[in-house]
Protein backbone atom coordinates (compact mmCIF):
# COMPACT_ATOMS: atom_id res chain seq x y z
CA MET A 1 36.95 -19.66 40.18
CA LYS A 2 40.44 -19.42 41.62
CA VAL A 3 42.55 -16.35 42.29
CA THR A 4 46.14 -16.47 41.09
CA HIS A 5 48.90 -13.93 41.65
CA GLU A 6 51.58 -12.63 39.32
CA LEU A 7 54.66 -10.46 39.44
CA CYS A 8 54.04 -8.08 36.52
CA GLY A 9 56.57 -5.78 34.91
CA TYR A 10 55.36 -2.83 32.83
CA ASP A 11 57.36 -1.06 30.14
CA ARG A 12 58.18 2.41 31.44
CA THR A 13 57.58 4.07 28.08
CA THR A 14 54.47 2.34 26.76
CA THR A 15 53.06 1.21 30.14
CA SER A 16 52.22 -2.13 28.47
CA ILE A 17 52.90 -5.34 30.33
CA ALA A 18 56.32 -6.64 29.32
CA VAL A 19 56.96 -9.58 31.68
CA GLU A 20 54.82 -11.70 34.00
CA TYR A 21 55.72 -14.44 36.47
CA ASP A 22 53.31 -16.68 38.38
CA ILE A 23 53.57 -16.47 42.16
CA PRO A 24 52.78 -19.73 43.98
CA THR A 25 50.23 -19.43 46.78
CA ALA A 26 52.83 -20.72 49.24
CA LEU A 27 54.88 -17.54 48.71
CA LEU A 28 52.05 -15.09 49.42
CA PRO A 29 52.90 -14.66 53.12
CA VAL A 30 56.43 -13.60 52.10
CA VAL A 31 55.09 -11.38 49.30
CA ARG A 32 52.81 -9.67 51.83
CA THR A 33 55.93 -8.52 53.73
CA MET A 34 57.39 -7.02 50.51
CA ILE A 35 54.41 -4.83 49.68
CA GLN A 36 52.08 -2.64 51.73
CA PRO A 37 48.67 -4.25 51.31
CA GLU A 38 45.48 -2.57 52.45
CA PRO A 39 44.53 -3.94 55.89
CA ASP A 40 41.23 -5.37 54.61
CA ASP A 41 42.75 -6.98 51.48
CA ARG A 42 43.29 -10.44 52.98
CA ASP A 43 43.52 -12.17 49.59
CA LEU A 44 45.76 -9.55 47.91
CA ILE A 45 43.15 -8.80 45.26
CA LEU A 46 44.37 -5.24 44.61
CA ALA A 47 47.53 -4.43 42.64
CA TYR A 48 50.54 -3.35 44.70
CA LYS A 49 53.78 -1.71 43.63
CA ILE A 50 56.86 -3.70 44.61
CA GLU A 51 60.28 -2.07 44.95
CA PRO A 52 63.25 -3.27 42.85
CA GLU A 53 65.10 -4.86 45.79
CA ASN A 54 62.00 -6.91 46.60
CA VAL A 55 61.50 -7.74 42.91
CA ARG A 56 65.00 -9.26 42.95
CA ARG A 57 64.26 -11.22 46.14
CA LEU A 58 60.95 -12.53 44.80
CA ALA A 59 62.44 -13.38 41.40
CA SER A 60 65.14 -15.39 43.14
CA MET A 61 62.47 -17.35 45.05
CA LEU A 62 60.65 -17.95 41.76
CA GLY A 63 63.83 -19.11 40.02
CA ALA A 64 63.47 -16.30 37.49
CA THR A 65 66.04 -13.91 36.08
CA VAL A 66 64.57 -10.42 36.21
CA ASP A 67 65.99 -6.98 35.46
CA ALA A 68 64.29 -5.26 38.38
CA ASP A 69 65.31 -1.79 37.20
CA ALA A 70 64.10 -2.16 33.61
CA PHE A 71 60.36 -2.18 34.36
CA ASN A 72 57.80 -0.87 36.84
CA PHE A 73 56.77 -3.94 38.82
CA SER A 74 53.63 -4.79 40.74
CA VAL A 75 52.03 -7.80 42.37
CA GLU A 76 48.60 -8.43 40.86
CA ALA A 77 45.77 -10.91 41.16
CA SER A 78 43.77 -12.61 38.42
CA ALA A 79 40.62 -14.67 38.56
CA VAL A 80 40.92 -17.91 36.61
CA PRO A 81 37.71 -19.79 35.71
CA ASP A 82 37.65 -23.48 36.66
CA GLU A 83 37.41 -24.62 33.03
CA VAL A 84 40.60 -22.69 32.16
CA ARG A 85 42.47 -24.25 35.06
CA ALA A 86 41.32 -27.70 33.94
CA ALA A 87 42.40 -26.95 30.36
CA ASP A 88 45.82 -26.01 31.68
CA ARG A 89 46.03 -29.55 33.06
CA GLY A 90 45.08 -30.95 29.68
CA LYS A 91 41.44 -31.61 30.62
CA VAL A 92 38.34 -29.62 29.86
CA VAL A 93 35.50 -29.83 32.36
CA ALA A 94 32.36 -27.80 32.82
CA ALA A 95 32.37 -25.25 35.62
CA GLY A 96 30.71 -26.58 38.73
CA SER A 97 31.39 -30.26 37.97
């Protein structure tokens, strides 16, 4: 199982997720400076609000065009099973192989 991170934007009216952008692991040290993570959350497993100015900075690093004021944004983690990651590469393998 691998943990991935996303920049998630939620509709302010419905609170449903409206946009989502993958955050490469290499950017996590920079992301950590943009949010206020709990001291014991080394892997950024919890969800953290990110302010619009930092949404714009992060979006620029991701090469994404984002309306930082249109949504409520947070940085979130997801657990991705090994077989899903392999399927994303076009291969299906059993977990643990």
